[in-house]
């Protein structure tokens, strides 16, 4: 959901918490998917992601990623403005090693940037997720009904999806 409207939707995935036991596989797969994203004119068939809304938004997203890197994040793919003759395109970006207190984890980016951090326990993940100013939507992916129910009850968000991709 991070590339819908170039990440400029208020219920796109703003940040991801992934259990450390599956983090390497998850990062590899999500990075490959972001790298395959077809960026271009949204009116052309096959385009998956168009430009940002304005030059200022492109600058804000660029600044957010640069700050994330300064705060210790690692760029797995993307990381800057995309080469384009027209429009304000930003590369689909995956960031890892993001600290919970970093700006990229605490503020909404409104661009195609996916910051990822790991967790060890469900308590830690719920604590991280609830540690934000905004709480419109959240998503839980698990094979355990107990985990899904507990997390859905303890997350302080307007909506919580369970094992559902939020594409719209």
Foldseek 3Di string as FASTA:
>chain_A
DLQQQQNQDPPAQLEAEAAPVCVVVVCVVVLVVLVPAAEDDPVDPPHDHYAHPDPVLLVQLLVLLVQQVVVPKDWPDFRHFDDDPDGTHGRQTEIEPGDLPGPSNADGNSHNYYYYYYDHDLVVVLVSQQPYPAAAEEEAEDPDPVSVVVSQVSHPHPYYHYNDDDPD
